[in-house]
């Protein structure tokens, strides 16, 4: 065996261990994230603290309600829920939105995402309508401006028209109690 052969064997051993070392590093990273206690469902939004996107959506025909307009946010605390009749998780969180709408200190509004008017009306007719305004976004362009990842998503807009909070995915009783309601109280208390 030559000196060159002795030199390549340790290199080959090291190269053979490289995938194992990479796997161990990734496993450590994932374990650290898992053990951090951070909610992996929380997706940060670049819009938090920014003014709500300029929105002027037509009303849902047959609902008797106005469309969604960012001008209506001024001076109010508004919860904007992005929903669609074809969205199963939207049905799951809907009773929580019905309960939230009972709080007359806030306005609960909706962005109806890529839906047909008949289906949206059937959805609301069967589950109840918590919304004071419903804007129809058939193309999805407004949802893009809002930074929507998918439905359902919910935004809290403060009296100054700025986005204060974003919930990606459906609310659960726990997330409503621990996340949204405290944010609403803060928004109401703000000047």
Protein backbone atom coordinates (compact mmCIF):
# COMPACT_ATOMS: atom_id res chain seq x y z
CA UNK A 1 0.00 0.00 0.00
CA UNK A 2 1.42 3.34 -1.02
CA UNK A 3 1.54 6.54 1.02
CA UNK A 4 -1.16 7.99 -1.25
CA UNK A 5 -3.50 5.08 -0.36
CA UNK A 6 -2.99 5.74 3.36
CA UNK A 7 -3.80 9.41 2.78
CA UNK A 8 -7.08 8.76 0.84
CA UNK A 9 -8.49 6.24 3.37
CA UNK A 10 -8.92 8.87 6.15
CA UNK A 11 -10.44 11.23 3.56
CA UNK A 12 -12.90 8.56 2.44
CA UNK A 13 -13.82 7.84 6.05
CA UNK A 14 -14.41 11.54 6.65
CA UNK A 15 -16.51 11.82 3.47
CA UNK A 16 -18.54 8.79 4.55
CA UNK A 17 -19.27 10.48 7.90
CA UNK A 18 -20.30 13.79 6.28
CA UNK A 19 -23.97 12.77 5.63
CA UNK A 20 -24.24 11.48 9.22
CA UNK A 21 -22.84 14.77 10.56
CA UNK A 22 -25.26 16.78 8.39
CA UNK A 23 -28.20 14.66 9.61
CA UNK A 24 -27.15 15.14 13.24
CA UNK A 25 -26.88 18.91 12.76
CA UNK A 26 -30.36 19.12 11.22
CA UNK A 27 -31.81 16.87 13.91
CA UNK A 28 -30.33 19.14 16.58
CA UNK A 29 -31.80 22.20 14.87
CA UNK A 30 -35.27 20.62 14.64
CA UNK A 31 -35.12 19.44 18.24
CA UNK A 32 -34.13 22.93 19.39
CA UNK A 33 -37.11 24.43 17.55
CA UNK A 34 -39.44 21.75 18.89
CA UNK A 35 -38.30 22.23 22.49
CA UNK A 36 -38.34 26.05 22.29
CA UNK A 37 -42.04 26.19 23.14
CA UNK A 38 -42.65 28.48 20.17
CA UNK A 39 -45.94 27.89 18.35
CA UNK A 40 -45.01 26.58 14.90
CA UNK A 41 -48.42 27.64 13.59
CA UNK A 42 -47.56 31.29 14.13
CA UNK A 43 -46.25 32.68 10.88
CA UNK A 44 -44.80 36.17 11.21
CA UNK A 45 -46.31 38.77 8.93
CA UNK A 46 -44.45 41.70 7.44
CA UNK A 47 -47.73 43.63 7.69
CA UNK A 48 -47.85 43.67 11.49
CA UNK A 49 -47.57 47.33 12.45
CA UNK A 50 -48.14 48.46 8.87
CA UNK A 51 -51.22 50.18 7.55
CA UNK A 52 -53.87 47.76 6.32
CA UNK A 53 -53.71 47.39 2.53
CA UNK A 54 -55.93 49.69 0.51
CA UNK A 55 -59.08 47.62 0.08
CA UNK A 56 -62.28 48.37 -1.75
CA UNK A 57 -64.15 45.12 -2.40
CA UNK A 58 -67.74 44.85 -3.63
CA UNK A 59 -70.37 43.44 -1.30
CA UNK A 60 -71.55 39.85 -1.33
CA UNK A 61 -74.69 40.01 -3.48
CA UNK A 62 -77.77 38.98 -1.56
CA UNK A 63 -76.21 39.51 1.88
CA UNK A 64 -77.65 43.00 2.38
CA UNK A 65 -74.27 44.07 3.81
CA UNK A 66 -71.71 46.55 2.55
CA UNK A 67 -68.48 45.47 0.90
CA UNK A 68 -65.08 45.66 2.57
CA UNK A 69 -63.38 49.03 2.46
CA UNK A 70 -60.23 50.07 4.29
CA UNK A 71 -61.84 53.50 4.81
CA UNK A 72 -64.24 51.79 7.24
CA UNK A 73 -61.37 50.80 9.56
CA UNK A 74 -60.75 54.38 10.74
CA UNK A 75 -61.51 54.86 14.41
CA UNK A 76 -62.67 51.26 14.96
CA UNK A 77 -61.12 48.01 16.05
CA UNK A 78 -61.88 45.62 13.21
CA UNK A 79 -61.42 41.88 12.90
CA UNK A 80 -61.07 40.89 9.23
CA UNK A 81 -61.65 37.20 8.59
CA UNK A 82 -60.69 35.62 5.26
CA UNK A 83 -63.09 32.76 4.56
CA UNK A 84 -64.59 30.63 1.80
CA UNK A 85 -67.53 28.23 1.74
CA UNK A 86 -65.29 25.45 0.39
CA UNK A 87 -62.91 25.79 3.36
CA UNK A 88 -63.50 23.07 5.99
CA UNK A 89 -61.41 24.82 8.71
CA UNK A 90 -63.55 27.95 8.14
CA UNK A 91 -66.55 25.93 9.29
CA UNK A 92 -64.59 24.77 12.33
CA UNK A 93 -63.80 28.31 13.55
CA UNK A 94 -67.13 29.90 12.55
CA UNK A 95 -68.87 29.44 15.94
CA UNK A 96 -66.00 31.35 17.55
CA UNK A 97 -66.50 34.23 15.11
CA UNK A 98 -70.24 34.19 15.90
CA UNK A 99 -69.38 34.56 19.58
CA UNK A 100 -66.80 37.29 18.86
CA UNK A 101 -69.35 39.30 16.88
CA UNK A 102 -71.46 39.68 20.02
CA UNK A 103 -68.83 42.14 21.32
CA UNK A 104 -70.25 45.45 20.09
CA UNK A 105 -66.97 47.26 20.82
CA UNK A 106 -65.48 45.72 17.68
CA UNK A 107 -66.47 45.22 14.05
CA UNK A 108 -66.15 41.76 12.52
CA UNK A 109 -65.78 41.95 8.74
CA UNK A 110 -64.97 39.40 6.06
CA UNK A 111 -63.02 38.94 2.88
CA UNK A 112 -64.78 36.17 0.93
CA UNK A 113 -61.98 34.46 -0.97
CA UNK A 114 -62.44 32.94 -4.45
CA UNK A 115 -65.99 31.85 -3.75
CA UNK A 116 -69.31 31.99 -5.56
CA UNK A 117 -72.02 34.23 -4.09
CA UNK A 118 -74.53 31.37 -3.86
CA UNK A 119 -72.13 29.13 -1.95
CA UNK A 120 -71.04 31.94 0.38
CA UNK A 121 -74.68 32.81 1.14
CA UNK A 122 -75.48 29.13 1.79
CA UNK A 123 -72.46 28.89 4.12
CA UNK A 124 -73.60 31.95 6.10
CA UNK A 125 -77.25 30.88 6.00
CA UNK A 126 -76.40 27.52 7.53
CA UNK A 127 -73.86 28.65 10.12
CA UNK A 128 -74.97 32.22 10.86
CA UNK A 129 -73.49 35.53 9.81
CA UNK A 130 -71.12 37.23 12.25
CA UNK A 131 -69.99 39.84 9.71
CA UNK A 132 -70.96 43.53 9.54
CA UNK A 133 -69.38 43.80 6.07
CA UNK A 134 -68.37 41.21 3.46
CA UNK A 135 -66.08 42.02 0.57
CA UNK A 136 -65.90 39.61 -2.34
CA UNK A 137 -62.41 38.78 -3.65
CA UNK A 138 -63.14 36.46 -6.57
CA UNK A 139 -59.69 36.81 -8.16
CA UNK A 140 -57.66 36.61 -4.95
CA UNK A 141 -55.85 39.90 -5.69
CA UNK A 142 -56.92 41.55 -2.42
CA UNK A 143 -55.83 38.47 -0.45
CA UNK A 144 -52.37 38.78 -2.01
CA UNK A 145 -52.21 42.42 -0.86
CA UNK A 146 -53.13 41.27 2.66
CA UNK A 147 -50.38 38.63 2.61
CA UNK A 148 -52.81 35.73 2.88
CA UNK A 149 -51.18 32.28 2.87
CA UNK A 150 -54.48 30.39 2.74
CA UNK A 151 -57.92 30.33 4.28
CA UNK A 152 -58.90 30.90 6.96
CA UNK A 153 -56.79 33.78 8.15
CA UNK A 154 -57.78 36.59 10.46
CA UNK A 155 -56.37 40.07 10.92
CA UNK A 156 -56.88 42.56 13.72
CA UNK A 157 -56.89 46.16 12.51
CA UNK A 158 -56.52 48.89 15.10
CA UNK A 159 -58.31 52.23 15.31
CA UNK A 160 -55.44 53.82 13.40
CA UNK A 161 -55.88 51.42 10.46
CA UNK A 162 -52.74 49.41 11.25
CA UNK A 163 -52.60 45.63 11.38
CA UNK A 164 -51.94 44.57 14.96
CA UNK A 165 -52.28 40.80 14.82
CA UNK A 166 -52.59 37.96 12.31
CA UNK A 167 -53.89 34.43 12.86
CA UNK A 168 -52.98 31.90 10.18
CA UNK A 169 -55.36 28.97 10.11
CA UNK A 170 -58.53 28.44 12.10
CA UNK A 171 -59.08 29.69 15.59
CA UNK A 172 -59.56 27.16 18.34
CA UNK A 173 -61.21 28.09 21.63
CA UNK A 174 -57.70 28.13 23.15
CA UNK A 175 -56.10 30.35 20.49
CA UNK A 176 -59.09 32.72 20.57
CA UNK A 177 -58.81 33.03 24.35
CA UNK A 178 -55.02 33.25 24.61
CA UNK A 179 -54.11 35.10 21.40
CA UNK A 180 -56.93 37.09 19.81
CA UNK A 181 -58.91 38.33 22.79
CA UNK A 182 -55.89 39.83 24.60
CA UNK A 183 -54.88 41.58 21.35
CA UNK A 184 -58.40 42.97 20.96
CA UNK A 185 -58.32 44.31 24.52
CA UNK A 186 -54.97 46.00 23.84
CA UNK A 187 -56.34 47.53 20.64
CA UNK A 188 -59.44 48.82 22.43
CA UNK A 189 -57.32 50.35 25.19
CA UNK A 190 -55.04 52.12 22.71
CA UNK A 191 -55.76 55.83 22.18
